[in-house]
Amino acid sequence: MVMKQSGNAVFTKKMKKTHTIFLPQMLPYHSALLKAAFEGSGYHFEIMSEAAGLKEQALRYISSDSCYPTVLILGQVLQTLKSGRYSPDRIAFMEPQAGGACRAGNIYQTIIRVLGMCGQKQIPVLSLNFMGQERHPGFRITPRLLSGAIAAVCCGDLCMSLYHQTKPYEQEMGAADRALEKSYAMLAEKIRSHTGLWGKEKRKLWRSVIEIFENIPVRCVDRKMVGVTGEIYLKFSPLGNHGLERFLQEQNCRCRMGGFINYAIYVMDSAKITYAMDCRFPVLVPVFDATLAFMKRMQRELYTEVTRSGRFAAEAGFDELKKKAAGLIGESCLTGDGWLVAAEAADAIEQGCGHILIVHPFGCLVSHVCERGIVGNLRRRYPGVSIQTVEYDYDSSDTLRQSRILLGLGKERKTETVLKG
């Protein structure tokens, strides 16, 4: 076994054929498609489970001062080991790293340290990042993997947006869920084989998914529109936000979340700005520019196809979104989710959301500055809109949190009516 100075086992080229890589469950609308992208590049890939009791397992090894995402992700790692389904000598873990001044940036090293405490130092831990840090000879972000992952993110955003715009209005219970599964099966096959993802075939594929949801009969009913934004893990993960989306559905609300592609572009754009400032000769700027241009073009073409349907709306593209943050927070604020949260909240309000929920971990300084700190400016720009911040922790009460959410939902009378046309 080869070890790095950090104590992390090396993921070798041979391990690509023998080992299964596990990624934390974070993006429920994207996970199946990201799995297909990695499998299409020759990796054995799985998404970790969201079993109960994760916090208890994690807190046996780390301090209770650790942030909530750290507790939940480490709990998933330990649950995977505990399940006994895979040999510890045939698995590896992968942790996404966006960088920045955030306690979650320590999750990667925390996993390595805890695996050592469990006597499992032979398990490699991979870092998924744009900057090529913590490299392993058996794992590379190739053009095929990168383009497949971007396609998976765009398709996941498409499914999430169509589902959110259909589920609250479906005539037949479960119709939107079946449409979602049908779309995943079709998209995963294309992403895994790396076919039908480019040019006219790509737009045809997106159109097929849109038509699946268009054919669902919907009813004329009023639903409060609730925009959800905030810290990226808690925003998307039902495990982290305690099933917030399901709770809103039970309150007869329509949930709206900004897509993950805008976050991916934000991270890449922020990395480019930081790199250009730190390097005397920033030779990699053209690489950043080419990748950003590719991602923005994919996003632009996707949103154009959605709006052509006439029934569904698309969120603002990255460049337009960035303009919406002006006057709310400086665009040079790149710490954590930076200006993106303010921009997503503004976009949701301008598209009809009368309620905004900004979610973040308890005790997260970055969130207090970049998320709670923008509430005053948002309320001044959009008077009459209910804007609430919602904190999550491993030992806080769901009842109190839900009461706070319900209090906010009761203040605004704006609703949306949708009728099958």
Protein backbone atom coordinates (compact mmCIF):
# COMPACT_ATOMS: atom_id res chain seq x y z
CA MET A 1 0.00 0.00 0.00
CA VAL A 2 1.37 3.39 -1.07
CA MET A 3 0.66 6.31 1.25
CA LYS A 4 0.86 10.06 0.75
CA GLN A 5 2.45 12.34 3.34
CA SER A 6 -1.06 13.22 4.50
CA GLY A 7 -1.59 9.57 5.48
CA ASN A 8 -3.99 9.03 2.59
CA ALA A 9 -3.69 5.79 0.61
CA VAL A 10 -3.01 6.25 -3.11
CA PHE A 11 -5.71 5.32 -5.62
CA THR A 12 -3.66 3.49 -8.24
CA LYS A 13 -4.41 2.81 -11.91
CA LYS A 14 -5.08 -0.83 -11.06
CA MET A 15 -7.73 0.21 -8.52
CA LYS A 16 -9.84 1.74 -11.28
CA LYS A 17 -10.84 -1.81 -12.25
CA THR A 18 -11.00 -3.34 -8.76
CA HIS A 19 -12.40 -0.60 -6.49
CA THR A 20 -15.81 1.06 -6.12
CA ILE A 21 -15.76 4.81 -5.50
CA PHE A 22 -18.41 6.15 -3.10
CA LEU A 23 -19.68 9.73 -3.30
CA PRO A 24 -21.79 11.34 -0.51
CA GLN A 25 -25.48 11.72 -1.24
CA MET A 26 -26.02 15.42 -1.80
CA LEU A 27 -27.82 15.97 -5.11
CA PRO A 28 -30.91 13.73 -5.24
CA TYR A 29 -31.92 15.00 -8.69
CA HIS A 30 -28.44 14.56 -10.16
CA SER A 31 -26.90 11.53 -8.41
CA ALA A 32 -28.09 8.84 -10.83
CA LEU A 33 -26.83 10.86 -13.79
CA LEU A 34 -23.45 11.68 -12.20
CA LYS A 35 -23.07 7.97 -11.46
CA ALA A 36 -23.65 7.27 -15.15
CA ALA A 37 -21.01 9.86 -16.12
CA PHE A 38 -18.35 8.21 -13.95
CA GLU A 39 -19.33 4.75 -15.15
CA GLY A 40 -19.02 6.01 -18.72
CA SER A 41 -15.36 6.80 -17.97
CA GLY A 42 -14.66 3.31 -16.66
CA TYR A 43 -15.11 3.77 -12.90
CA HIS A 44 -17.19 1.62 -10.56
CA PHE A 45 -19.28 4.25 -8.82
CA GLU A 46 -21.94 4.37 -6.11
CA ILE A 47 -23.79 7.04 -4.13
CA MET A 48 -23.74 6.58 -0.35
CA SER A 49 -26.99 5.94 1.50
CA GLU A 50 -28.95 8.28 3.76
CA ALA A 51 -29.52 5.78 6.56
CA ALA A 52 -30.69 6.81 10.03
CA GLY A 53 -28.26 7.28 12.91
CA LEU A 54 -25.54 8.97 10.88
CA LYS A 55 -24.90 11.75 13.38
CA GLU A 56 -24.41 9.31 16.25
CA GLN A 57 -21.80 7.39 14.29
CA ALA A 58 -19.91 10.52 13.24
CA LEU A 59 -19.86 12.16 16.68
CA ARG A 60 -17.98 9.18 18.08
CA TYR A 61 -14.93 10.41 16.16
CA ILE A 62 -15.26 14.18 15.74
CA SER A 63 -16.10 17.17 17.92
CA SER A 64 -19.64 18.42 18.26
CA ASP A 65 -18.28 21.78 17.03
CA SER A 66 -17.99 20.32 13.53
CA CYS A 67 -20.44 21.76 11.02
CA TYR A 68 -23.59 19.84 10.16
CA PRO A 69 -22.53 18.83 6.61
CA THR A 70 -19.31 17.37 8.07
CA VAL A 71 -21.30 15.31 10.57
CA LEU A 72 -23.66 13.93 7.92
CA ILE A 73 -21.02 13.19 5.27
CA LEU A 74 -18.72 11.46 7.75
CA GLY A 75 -21.74 9.52 9.02
CA GLN A 76 -22.38 8.28 5.47
CA VAL A 77 -18.75 7.14 5.20
CA LEU A 78 -18.96 5.22 8.47
CA GLN A 79 -22.34 3.74 7.53
CA THR A 80 -20.86 2.43 4.27
CA LEU A 81 -18.11 0.70 6.22
CA LYS A 82 -20.58 -0.65 8.77
CA SER A 83 -22.96 -2.06 6.16
CA GLY A 84 -20.57 -4.87 5.27
CA ARG A 85 -21.75 -4.86 1.64
CA TYR A 86 -18.28 -4.03 0.34
CA SER A 87 -14.82 -5.18 1.34
CA PRO A 88 -12.78 -2.31 2.83
CA ASP A 89 -9.97 -3.43 0.53
CA ARG A 90 -12.10 -2.78 -2.55
CA ILE A 91 -13.56 0.68 -1.93
CA ALA A 92 -12.54 4.33 -2.08
CA PHE A 93 -14.32 7.49 -0.97
CA MET A 94 -14.66 10.74 -2.92
CA GLU A 95 -15.28 14.15 -1.37
CA PRO A 96 -16.11 17.24 -3.49
CA GLN A 97 -13.98 20.27 -2.57
CA ALA A 98 -14.84 23.78 -3.72
CA GLY A 99 -12.21 25.44 -1.50
CA GLY A 100 -12.67 28.72 0.34
CA ALA A 101 -12.83 29.80 3.96
CA CYS A 102 -15.30 27.19 5.16
CA ARG A 103 -15.18 24.49 7.81
CA ALA A 104 -16.51 22.05 5.24
CA GLY A 105 -13.13 22.37 3.52
CA ASN A 106 -11.81 20.14 6.32
CA ILE A 107 -14.11 17.22 5.46
CA TYR A 108 -11.54 15.66 3.11
CA GLN A 109 -8.82 15.50 5.77
CA THR A 110 -11.37 14.54 8.43
CA ILE A 111 -12.39 11.45 6.44
CA ILE A 112 -8.73 10.43 6.06
CA ARG A 113 -8.09 10.88 9.78
CA VAL A 114 -11.19 8.97 10.88
CA LEU A 115 -10.47 6.08 8.52
CA GLY A 116 -7.07 5.84 10.20
CA MET A 117 -8.75 5.81 13.62
CA CYS A 118 -10.93 2.94 12.40
CA GLY A 119 -7.90 0.95 11.24
CA GLN A 120 -8.78 1.43 7.55
CA LYS A 121 -5.80 3.43 6.28
CA GLN A 122 -5.74 1.35 3.11
CA ILE A 123 -8.93 3.05 1.83
CA PRO A 124 -8.08 5.90 -0.58
CA VAL A 125 -9.92 9.21 -0.31
CA LEU A 126 -10.22 11.17 -3.57
CA SER A 127 -10.76 14.91 -3.85
CA LEU A 128 -13.14 16.10 -6.57
CA ASN A 129 -12.06 19.63 -7.43
CA PHE A 130 -11.35 21.88 -10.41
CA MET A 131 -7.79 22.74 -9.39
CA GLY A 132 -6.15 19.32 -9.68
CA GLN A 133 -5.30 19.16 -5.99
CA GLU A 134 -4.62 15.87 -4.14
CA ARG A 135 -3.95 13.96 -7.33
CA HIS A 136 -4.05 10.17 -7.60
CA PRO A 137 -2.56 8.18 -10.51
CA GLY A 138 -5.77 6.15 -10.89
CA PHE A 139 -8.15 9.09 -11.13
CA ARG A 140 -8.12 11.93 -13.65
CA ILE A 141 -10.75 14.40 -14.77
CA THR A 142 -10.51 13.73 -18.49
CA PRO A 143 -12.40 15.73 -21.16
CA ARG A 144 -14.83 12.79 -21.47
CA LEU A 145 -15.51 12.69 -17.73
CA LEU A 146 -15.80 16.49 -17.46
CA SER A 147 -18.18 16.81 -20.41
CA GLY A 148 -20.22 13.85 -19.17
CA ALA A 149 -20.47 15.35 -15.68
CA ILE A 150 -21.54 18.74 -17.08
CA ALA A 151 -24.19 16.99 -19.17
CA ALA A 152 -25.34 15.11 -16.05
CA VAL A 153 -25.62 18.36 -14.08
CA CYS A 154 -27.59 20.08 -16.85
CA CYS A 155 -29.94 17.10 -17.26
CA GLY A 156 -30.37 16.85 -13.49
CA ASP A 157 -31.27 20.54 -13.34
CA LEU A 158 -33.77 19.99 -16.16
CA CYS A 159 -35.46 17.09 -14.33
CA MET A 160 -35.56 19.02 -11.05
CA SER A 161 -37.06 22.14 -12.62
CA LEU A 162 -39.74 20.25 -14.56
CA TYR A 163 -40.60 18.16 -11.51
CA HIS A 164 -40.98 21.22 -9.29
CA GLN A 165 -43.23 22.88 -11.87
CA THR A 166 -45.41 19.78 -12.27
CA LYS A 167 -45.63 17.88 -8.97
CA PRO A 168 -47.84 20.38 -7.06
CA TYR A 169 -50.42 20.39 -9.87
CA GLU A 170 -50.59 16.76 -11.01
CA GLN A 171 -54.09 15.30 -11.37
CA GLU A 172 -52.94 11.74 -10.73
CA MET A 173 -50.89 11.20 -7.59
CA GLY A 174 -47.38 9.98 -8.43
CA ALA A 175 -47.47 10.94 -12.12
CA ALA A 176 -44.57 13.39 -11.76
CA ASP A 177 -42.50 10.82 -9.85
CA ARG A 178 -42.99 8.24 -12.61
CA ALA A 179 -42.04 10.83 -15.21
CA LEU A 180 -38.88 11.55 -13.23
CA GLU A 181 -37.86 7.88 -13.14
CA LYS A 182 -38.60 7.46 -16.85
CA SER A 183 -36.46 10.49 -17.64
CA TYR A 184 -33.57 9.23 -15.49
CA ALA A 185 -33.54 5.87 -17.24
CA MET A 186 -33.35 7.52 -20.67
CA LEU A 187 -30.78 10.15 -19.70
CA ALA A 188 -28.50 7.80 -17.74
CA GLU A 189 -28.19 5.48 -20.74
CA LYS A 190 -27.15 8.38 -22.99
CA ILE A 191 -24.68 9.80 -20.47
CA ARG A 192 -23.12 6.41 -19.72
CA SER A 193 -22.58 5.69 -23.42
CA HIS A 194 -21.62 9.31 -24.11
CA THR A 195 -24.03 9.49 -27.04
CA GLY A 196 -26.78 11.95 -27.96
CA LEU A 197 -25.29 14.68 -25.76
CA TRP A 198 -24.13 17.10 -28.44
CA GLY A 199 -25.56 19.29 -31.18
CA LYS A 200 -29.06 18.60 -32.44
CA GLU A 201 -29.17 15.23 -30.67
CA LYS A 202 -28.71 16.98 -27.34
CA ARG A 203 -31.63 19.33 -27.92
CA LYS A 204 -33.73 16.38 -29.10
CA LEU A 205 -32.92 14.55 -25.87
CA TRP A 206 -33.89 17.53 -23.72
CA ARG A 207 -37.07 17.94 -25.73
CA SER A 208 -37.97 14.29 -25.07
CA VAL A 209 -37.71 14.88 -21.31
CA ILE A 210 -39.79 18.06 -21.54
CA GLU A 211 -42.49 16.20 -23.47
CA ILE A 212 -42.66 13.51 -20.78
CA PHE A 213 -43.61 16.16 -18.23
CA GLU A 214 -45.80 18.13 -20.66
CA ASN A 215 -48.00 15.06 -21.11
CA ILE A 216 -48.85 14.91 -17.40
CA PRO A 217 -52.41 16.24 -16.85
CA VAL A 218 -52.43 19.05 -14.31
CA ARG A 219 -55.22 20.84 -12.48
CA CYS A 220 -56.04 24.47 -11.87
CA VAL A 221 -55.01 25.05 -8.27
CA ASP A 222 -53.36 27.80 -6.25
CA ARG A 223 -49.95 27.11 -4.72
CA LYS A 224 -47.67 29.42 -2.79
CA MET A 225 -44.31 29.70 -4.52
CA VAL A 226 -41.37 29.24 -2.15
CA GLY A 227 -37.81 29.89 -3.30
CA VAL A 228 -35.16 27.84 -1.48
CA THR A 229 -31.51 28.91 -1.55
CA GLY A 230 -28.56 28.96 0.82
CA GLU A 231 -25.55 26.79 1.69
CA ILE A 232 -25.18 24.31 -1.16
CA TYR A 233 -25.33 21.04 0.82
CA LEU A 234 -28.33 21.96 2.92
CA LYS A 235 -30.12 23.49 -0.05
CA PHE A 236 -30.13 20.28 -2.09
CA SER A 237 -29.73 17.39 0.35
CA PRO A 238 -32.97 16.06 1.92
CA LEU A 239 -30.75 14.55 4.59
CA GLY A 240 -29.27 17.95 5.40
CA ASN A 241 -32.49 19.99 5.21
CA HIS A 242 -34.63 17.31 6.89
CA GLY A 243 -36.89 16.78 3.90
CA LEU A 244 -37.66 20.48 3.38
CA GLU A 245 -39.01 19.97 -0.13
CA ARG A 246 -41.40 17.24 1.03
CA PHE A 247 -42.51 19.41 3.95
CA LEU A 248 -43.32 22.30 1.59
CA GLN A 249 -45.31 19.95 -0.65
CA GLU A 250 -47.33 18.88 2.38
CA GLN A 251 -48.14 22.57 2.99
CA ASN A 252 -49.49 22.86 -0.58
CA CYS A 253 -46.53 24.94 -1.71
CA ARG A 254 -44.48 24.86 -4.87
CA CYS A 255 -40.76 24.63 -4.15
CA ARG A 256 -38.28 26.40 -6.43
CA MET A 257 -34.53 25.78 -6.25
CA GLY A 258 -31.87 27.29 -8.49
CA GLY A 259 -30.03 24.67 -10.52
CA PHE A 260 -26.66 23.17 -9.65
CA ILE A 261 -25.13 24.28 -12.96
CA ASN A 262 -25.06 27.90 -11.75
CA TYR A 263 -23.17 26.79 -8.63
CA ALA A 264 -20.70 24.79 -10.75
CA ILE A 265 -20.07 27.82 -12.98
CA TYR A 266 -19.78 30.03 -9.89
CA VAL A 267 -17.09 27.77 -8.40
CA MET A 268 -15.16 27.68 -11.68
CA ASP A 269 -15.49 31.45 -12.17
CA SER A 270 -14.36 32.11 -8.57
CA ALA A 271 -11.41 29.73 -8.97
CA LYS A 272 -10.35 31.58 -12.11
CA ILE A 273 -10.50 34.98 -10.37
CA THR A 274 -8.53 33.72 -7.36
CA TYR A 275 -5.96 31.98 -9.56
CA ALA A 276 -5.44 35.06 -11.71
CA MET A 277 -4.86 37.23 -8.61
CA ASP A 278 -2.48 34.76 -6.94
CA CYS A 279 -0.28 33.89 -9.93
CA ARG A 280 2.22 36.24 -11.48
CA PHE A 281 1.90 34.45 -14.81
CA PRO A 282 -1.61 32.92 -14.88
CA VAL A 283 -1.06 30.64 -17.88
CA LEU A 284 -4.14 28.53 -17.12
CA VAL A 285 -6.64 31.37 -17.59
CA PRO A 286 -7.44 30.25 -21.18
CA VAL A 287 -8.30 26.79 -19.83
CA PHE A 288 -10.68 28.34 -17.31
CA ASP A 289 -12.20 30.52 -20.03
CA ALA A 290 -12.76 27.57 -22.38
CA THR A 291 -14.41 25.48 -19.67
CA LEU A 292 -16.60 28.38 -18.54
CA ALA A 293 -17.65 29.10 -22.12
CA PHE A 294 -18.61 25.45 -22.62
CA MET A 295 -20.65 25.33 -19.41
CA LYS A 296 -22.42 28.61 -20.15
CA ARG A 297 -23.25 27.50 -23.69
CA MET A 298 -24.75 24.25 -22.40
CA GLN A 299 -26.79 26.19 -19.85
CA ARG A 300 -27.97 28.74 -22.41
CA GLU A 301 -29.09 26.06 -24.89
CA LEU A 302 -30.86 24.11 -22.14
CA TYR A 303 -32.80 27.13 -20.86
CA THR A 304 -33.76 28.09 -24.42
CA GLU A 305 -35.25 24.64 -24.95
CA VAL A 306 -37.20 24.84 -21.68
CA THR A 307 -38.75 28.23 -22.46
CA ARG A 308 -39.74 27.08 -25.96
CA SER A 309 -42.19 24.67 -24.37
CA GLY A 310 -44.45 27.56 -23.40
CA ARG A 311 -45.49 25.76 -20.24
CA PHE A 312 -42.27 25.73 -18.24
CA ALA A 313 -40.02 28.59 -17.10
CA ALA A 314 -36.23 28.58 -16.79
CA GLU A 315 -34.17 30.43 -14.21
CA ALA A 316 -31.70 33.16 -15.12
CA GLY A 317 -28.40 32.18 -16.73
CA PHE A 318 -25.14 32.76 -14.90
CA ASP A 319 -24.23 36.15 -16.37
CA GLU A 320 -27.74 37.50 -15.84
CA LEU A 321 -27.81 36.04 -12.33
CA LYS A 322 -24.59 37.79 -11.44
CA LYS A 323 -26.14 41.16 -12.35
CA LYS A 324 -29.06 40.53 -9.98
CA ALA A 325 -26.67 40.45 -7.01
CA ALA A 326 -25.53 44.03 -7.67
CA GLY A 327 -26.65 46.27 -4.84
CA LEU A 328 -27.26 43.31 -2.54
CA ILE A 329 -23.69 42.09 -2.07
CA GLY A 330 -20.40 42.75 -3.86
CA GLU A 331 -19.54 40.39 -6.72
CA SER A 332 -16.03 40.15 -5.26
CA CYS A 333 -17.52 38.26 -2.32
CA LEU A 334 -16.43 34.72 -3.25
CA THR A 335 -16.27 33.16 0.21
CA GLY A 336 -18.47 30.07 0.48
CA ASP A 337 -21.53 30.55 -1.71
CA GLY A 338 -20.66 34.26 -1.94
CA TRP A 339 -22.94 36.43 -4.01
CA LEU A 340 -24.77 33.45 -5.51
CA VAL A 341 -27.31 33.13 -2.69
CA ALA A 342 -28.40 36.77 -3.02
CA ALA A 343 -28.68 36.39 -6.79
CA GLU A 344 -30.76 33.20 -6.53
CA ALA A 345 -33.09 34.83 -4.01
CA ALA A 346 -33.54 37.87 -6.27
CA ASP A 347 -34.21 35.68 -9.31
CA ALA A 348 -36.77 33.58 -7.43
CA ILE A 349 -38.62 36.70 -6.24
CA GLU A 350 -38.64 38.23 -9.71
CA GLN A 351 -40.11 34.99 -11.08
CA GLY A 352 -43.03 35.12 -8.67
CA CYS A 353 -41.89 33.62 -5.36
CA GLY A 354 -43.52 35.48 -2.51
CA HIS A 355 -41.52 33.50 0.07
CA ILE A 356 -37.78 32.90 0.33
CA LEU A 357 -36.10 30.40 2.64
CA ILE A 358 -32.32 30.77 3.06
CA VAL A 359 -30.96 27.58 4.65
CA HIS A 360 -27.58 27.20 6.32
CA PRO A 361 -25.78 25.21 9.03
CA PHE A 362 -25.88 26.48 12.59
CA GLY A 363 -22.72 28.32 13.58
CA CYS A 364 -21.50 28.77 10.01
CA LEU A 365 -19.69 32.11 9.93
CA VAL A 366 -19.59 32.19 6.13
CA SER A 367 -23.36 31.74 5.99
CA HIS A 368 -23.93 34.44 8.59
CA VAL A 369 -21.97 36.92 6.48
CA CYS A 370 -23.03 35.96 2.94
CA GLU A 371 -26.55 34.71 3.63
CA ARG A 372 -28.03 36.22 6.76
CA GLY A 373 -26.13 39.43 6.03
CA ILE A 374 -28.08 40.03 2.80
CA VAL A 375 -31.57 39.74 4.30
CA GLY A 376 -31.87 43.46 5.04
CA ASN A 377 -30.92 44.45 1.49
CA LEU A 378 -33.31 41.87 0.03
CA ARG A 379 -36.20 43.15 2.14
CA ARG A 380 -35.50 46.74 1.14
CA ARG A 381 -35.39 45.85 -2.55
CA TYR A 382 -38.42 43.55 -2.40
CA PRO A 383 -40.82 44.91 0.26
CA GLY A 384 -43.71 42.61 1.09
CA VAL A 385 -41.82 39.40 0.32
CA SER A 386 -41.38 37.01 3.25
CA ILE A 387 -37.67 36.21 3.65
CA GLN A 388 -36.60 33.78 6.38
CA THR A 389 -33.26 32.24 7.30
CA VAL A 390 -33.42 28.66 8.55
CA GLU A 391 -30.61 27.03 10.53
CA TYR A 392 -29.95 23.28 10.70
CA ASP A 393 -27.98 21.33 13.27
CA TYR A 394 -27.77 17.71 14.39
CA ASP A 395 -29.55 18.30 17.70
CA SER A 396 -32.03 21.09 16.87
CA SER A 397 -35.79 20.55 16.96
CA ASP A 398 -37.65 19.93 13.70
CA THR A 399 -40.84 21.18 15.35
CA LEU A 400 -39.40 24.61 16.15
CA ARG A 401 -37.81 24.88 12.72
CA GLN A 402 -41.01 23.95 10.91
CA SER A 403 -42.98 26.40 13.04
CA ARG A 404 -40.62 29.16 11.94
CA ILE A 405 -41.10 28.16 8.30
CA LEU A 406 -44.88 28.07 8.65
CA LEU A 407 -44.87 31.50 10.32
CA GLY A 408 -43.08 32.89 7.28
CA LEU A 409 -45.41 31.17 4.83
CA GLY A 410 -48.44 32.72 6.50
CA LYS A 411 -47.35 36.32 5.87
CA GLU A 412 -47.57 36.45 2.10
CA ARG A 413 -50.68 36.07 0.01
CA LYS A 414 -49.03 35.70 -3.41
CA THR A 415 -50.04 32.50 -5.19
CA GLU A 416 -49.64 31.03 -8.65
CA THR A 417 -52.30 29.35 -10.77
CA VAL A 418 -51.35 26.79 -13.42
CA LEU A 419 -53.78 25.38 -15.97
CA LYS A 420 -53.06 22.74 -18.59
CA GLY A 421 -53.11 24.65 -21.84
